Structure formats: structure tokens, C-alpha cells
Amino acid sequence: MISINIQRVMNARGITTYYKFLVKNGFTPSTATKLVNNTIEYFKFDHIEKLCNLLNCTPNDLIEWTPNDKSEDKANHPLQAIRKRGGNVNLTEILKTLPMDKLKEVEKLIQDSI
């Protein structure tokens, strides 16, 4: 099943108040609620583009695939590219617990990738 998971990207960006962020950035309260609760029935292209611009990501970062059963779970299937394994990552919380020497290593990695 393909689904929307904007919380994963928002957590990575340090956004903790999903609904408030979405409404503040132009989504209707109804759409924001559906996006946050992953109950949206369809994903409009203008919503995808707006989220990608706001969160500096691609559509593949916003959607994920979970096989419905074992027969669909083929290792070489292209849908594996949007399969997310593991929980949501909250980098802000992780960074809060790192010792300073490790933070310097993270800072260097970031600087080297820019």
C-alpha cells in the first residue's frame, strides 16, 4: 500500500507541530488534519509541490510503500525505492544528546556536503 507520511520529513526538519505548520503555510484546516492523520483520500499535485518546497524534499520523501503481503515484497521491485524501514527520525532530539566532539563531526559532515 502506498501512503503519505509527512511526519517523517517534518520530524527530520525539527517541526513538531505539524498541523500548525501546515495551516500557517496555507493549507486549509481540513487538509492539514487529513495530512497529519494520514487520512487524505487523494494527494493533489499542488499540495505535493507546496510541501516539497516548504520541506526541501522530493515527492519520494513524502510517500512510502508497504507491501500488502509477502508475495508483493520483491527485492528488485522499483517500489522498494520508496519503502521506508525503521521509525521516524527526530534529528533535533538526537543532536541534543550528542557530546560536543560528535557534534563537531556532524557539523564537518554537513559542511563537506554543502
C-alpha atoms as a PDB file:
ATOM      1  CA  MET A   1       0.000   0.000   0.000  1.00  0.00           C
ATOM      2  CA  ILE A   2       1.274   3.458  -0.871  1.00  0.00           C
ATOM      3  CA  SER A   3       0.640   6.093   1.796  1.00  0.00           C
ATOM      4  CA  ILE A   4       1.591   9.630   2.772  1.00  0.00           C
ATOM      5  CA  ASN A   5       3.973  10.143   5.687  1.00  0.00           C
ATOM      6  CA  ILE A   6       4.787  13.821   6.056  1.00  0.00           C
ATOM      7  CA  GLN A   7       5.593  13.409   9.751  1.00  0.00           C
ATOM      8  CA  ARG A   8       8.867  11.657   8.887  1.00  0.00           C
ATOM      9  CA  VAL A   9      10.162  14.680   6.921  1.00  0.00           C
ATOM     10  CA  MET A  10       8.754  17.195   9.396  1.00  0.00           C
ATOM     11  CA  ASN A  11      10.496  15.446  12.278  1.00  0.00           C
ATOM     12  CA  ALA A  12      13.752  15.469  10.346  1.00  0.00           C
ATOM     13  CA  ARG A  13      13.308  19.223   9.839  1.00  0.00           C
ATOM     14  CA  GLY A  14      12.606  19.793  13.540  1.00  0.00           C
ATOM     15  CA  ILE A  15       8.925  20.591  13.014  1.00  0.00           C
ATOM     16  CA  THR A  16       6.883  19.210  15.896  1.00  0.00           C
ATOM     17  CA  THR A  17       3.560  20.994  15.482  1.00  0.00           C
ATOM     18  CA  TYR A  18       2.538  19.502  12.137  1.00  0.00           C
ATOM     19  CA  TYR A  19      -0.989  20.874  11.963  1.00  0.00           C
ATOM     20  CA  LYS A  20       0.038  24.397  12.962  1.00  0.00           C
ATOM     21  CA  PHE A  21       2.888  24.377  10.438  1.00  0.00           C
ATOM     22  CA  LEU A  22       0.600  23.290   7.599  1.00  0.00           C
ATOM     23  CA  VAL A  23      -2.157  25.810   8.353  1.00  0.00           C
ATOM     24  CA  LYS A  24       0.390  28.616   8.813  1.00  0.00           C
ATOM     25  CA  ASN A  25       1.752  27.778   5.365  1.00  0.00           C
ATOM     26  CA  GLY A  26      -1.551  27.908   3.517  1.00  0.00           C
ATOM     27  CA  PHE A  27      -3.183  24.508   3.895  1.00  0.00           C
ATOM     28  CA  THR A  28      -6.816  24.512   4.935  1.00  0.00           C
ATOM     29  CA  PRO A  29      -7.522  23.151   8.418  1.00  0.00           C
ATOM     30  CA  SER A  30      -9.354  20.204   6.851  1.00  0.00           C
ATOM     31  CA  THR A  31      -6.469  19.294   4.539  1.00  0.00           C
ATOM     32  CA  ALA A  32      -3.920  19.797   7.319  1.00  0.00           C
ATOM     33  CA  THR A  33      -5.837  17.419   9.589  1.00  0.00           C
ATOM     34  CA  LYS A  34      -6.054  14.786   6.863  1.00  0.00           C
ATOM     35  CA  LEU A  35      -2.346  15.092   6.041  1.00  0.00           C
ATOM     36  CA  VAL A  36      -1.295  14.862   9.680  1.00  0.00           C
ATOM     37  CA  ASN A  37      -3.565  11.883  10.377  1.00  0.00           C
ATOM     38  CA  ASN A  38      -2.681  10.190   7.073  1.00  0.00           C
ATOM     39  CA  THR A  39      -6.366  10.006   6.142  1.00  0.00           C
ATOM     40  CA  ILE A  40      -6.149  12.035   2.946  1.00  0.00           C
ATOM     41  CA  GLU A  41      -8.009  10.339   0.099  1.00  0.00           C
ATOM     42  CA  TYR A  42      -6.022  11.899  -2.721  1.00  0.00           C
ATOM     43  CA  PHE A  43      -2.837  13.920  -2.907  1.00  0.00           C
ATOM     44  CA  LYS A  44      -3.152  16.939  -5.177  1.00  0.00           C
ATOM     45  CA  PHE A  45      -0.109  17.890  -7.236  1.00  0.00           C
ATOM     46  CA  ASP A  46      -0.142  21.460  -5.957  1.00  0.00           C
ATOM     47  CA  HIS A  47      -0.091  20.109  -2.375  1.00  0.00           C
ATOM     48  CA  ILE A  48       2.851  17.852  -3.204  1.00  0.00           C
ATOM     49  CA  GLU A  49       4.748  20.742  -4.758  1.00  0.00           C
ATOM     50  CA  LYS A  50       3.961  23.082  -1.863  1.00  0.00           C
ATOM     51  CA  LEU A  51       5.114  20.504   0.713  1.00  0.00           C
ATOM     52  CA  CYS A  52       8.276  19.751  -1.244  1.00  0.00           C
ATOM     53  CA  ASN A  53       9.118  23.459  -1.407  1.00  0.00           C
ATOM     54  CA  LEU A  54       8.352  24.032   2.279  1.00  0.00           C
ATOM     55  CA  LEU A  55      10.235  20.953   3.474  1.00  0.00           C
ATOM     56  CA  ASN A  56      13.028  20.996   0.873  1.00  0.00           C
ATOM     57  CA  CYS A  57      12.356  17.423  -0.196  1.00  0.00           C
ATOM     58  CA  THR A  58      11.104  15.331  -3.108  1.00  0.00           C
ATOM     59  CA  PRO A  59       7.748  13.554  -3.513  1.00  0.00           C
ATOM     60  CA  ASN A  60       9.537  10.263  -2.773  1.00  0.00           C
ATOM     61  CA  ASP A  61      10.327  11.624   0.695  1.00  0.00           C
ATOM     62  CA  LEU A  62       6.620  12.223   1.377  1.00  0.00           C
ATOM     63  CA  ILE A  63       5.226   8.883   0.259  1.00  0.00           C
ATOM     64  CA  GLU A  64       6.052   5.390   1.354  1.00  0.00           C
ATOM     65  CA  TRP A  65       5.232   1.885   0.271  1.00  0.00           C
ATOM     66  CA  THR A  66       4.436  -1.069   2.489  1.00  0.00           C
ATOM     67  CA  PRO A  67       3.740  -4.379   0.772  1.00  0.00           C
ATOM     68  CA  ASN A  68       0.258  -5.741   1.468  1.00  0.00           C
ATOM     69  CA  ASP A  69       1.580  -9.287   1.687  1.00  0.00           C
ATOM     70  CA  LYS A  70       4.759 -11.320   1.216  1.00  0.00           C
ATOM     71  CA  SER A  71       4.034 -12.032  -2.459  1.00  0.00           C
ATOM     72  CA  GLU A  72       4.313  -8.282  -3.254  1.00  0.00           C
ATOM     73  CA  ASP A  73       7.626  -7.887  -1.406  1.00  0.00           C
ATOM     74  CA  LYS A  74      10.099  -8.419  -4.228  1.00  0.00           C
ATOM     75  CA  ALA A  75      13.624  -7.168  -3.512  1.00  0.00           C
ATOM     76  CA  ASN A  76      14.201  -5.855  -7.036  1.00  0.00           C
ATOM     77  CA  HIS A  77      10.837  -4.100  -7.444  1.00  0.00           C
ATOM     78  CA  PRO A  78      11.093  -0.336  -8.129  1.00  0.00           C
ATOM     79  CA  LEU A  79       8.657   0.414  -5.271  1.00  0.00           C
ATOM     80  CA  GLN A  80      11.428  -0.595  -2.867  1.00  0.00           C
ATOM     81  CA  ALA A  81      12.856   2.892  -3.515  1.00  0.00           C
ATOM     82  CA  ILE A  82      10.008   4.452  -1.521  1.00  0.00           C
ATOM     83  CA  ARG A  83       9.847   1.785   1.160  1.00  0.00           C
ATOM     84  CA  LYS A  84      10.751   3.308   4.486  1.00  0.00           C
ATOM     85  CA  ARG A  85      12.118   0.971   7.105  1.00  0.00           C
ATOM     86  CA  GLY A  86      12.508   2.000  10.698  1.00  0.00           C
ATOM     87  CA  GLY A  87      10.726   4.688  12.641  1.00  0.00           C
ATOM     88  CA  ASN A  88      10.590   8.415  12.207  1.00  0.00           C
ATOM     89  CA  VAL A  89      13.896  10.137  12.859  1.00  0.00           C
ATOM     90  CA  ASN A  90      13.915  13.256  15.004  1.00  0.00           C
ATOM     91  CA  LEU A  91      17.343  14.740  14.338  1.00  0.00           C
ATOM     92  CA  THR A  92      16.764  17.598  16.746  1.00  0.00           C
ATOM     93  CA  GLU A  93      16.366  15.179  19.647  1.00  0.00           C
ATOM     94  CA  ILE A  94      19.347  13.107  18.526  1.00  0.00           C
ATOM     95  CA  LEU A  95      21.547  16.201  18.264  1.00  0.00           C
ATOM     96  CA  LYS A  96      20.547  17.322  21.769  1.00  0.00           C
ATOM     97  CA  THR A  97      22.074  14.169  23.249  1.00  0.00           C
ATOM     98  CA  LEU A  98      25.336  14.064  21.293  1.00  0.00           C
ATOM     99  CA  PRO A  99      28.551  15.062  23.056  1.00  0.00           C
ATOM    100  CA  MET A 100      30.328  18.109  21.651  1.00  0.00           C
ATOM    101  CA  ASP A 101      33.037  16.116  19.873  1.00  0.00           C
ATOM    102  CA  LYS A 102      30.380  14.165  17.968  1.00  0.00           C
ATOM    103  CA  LEU A 103      28.508  17.397  17.148  1.00  0.00           C
ATOM    104  CA  LYS A 104      31.715  18.737  15.605  1.00  0.00           C
ATOM    105  CA  GLU A 105      31.928  15.616  13.436  1.00  0.00           C
ATOM    106  CA  VAL A 106      28.308  16.100  12.333  1.00  0.00           C
ATOM    107  CA  GLU A 107      28.994  19.767  11.589  1.00  0.00           C
ATOM    108  CA  LYS A 108      32.009  18.807   9.465  1.00  0.00           C
ATOM    109  CA  LEU A 109      29.958  16.228   7.534  1.00  0.00           C
ATOM    110  CA  ILE A 110      27.306  18.841   6.846  1.00  0.00           C
ATOM    111  CA  GLN A 111      29.824  21.466   5.772  1.00  0.00           C
ATOM    112  CA  ASP A 112      31.523  18.968   3.458  1.00  0.00           C
ATOM    113  CA  SER A 113      28.225  18.131   1.773  1.00  0.00           C
ATOM    114  CA  ILE A 114      27.204  21.738   1.089  1.00  0.00           C
END
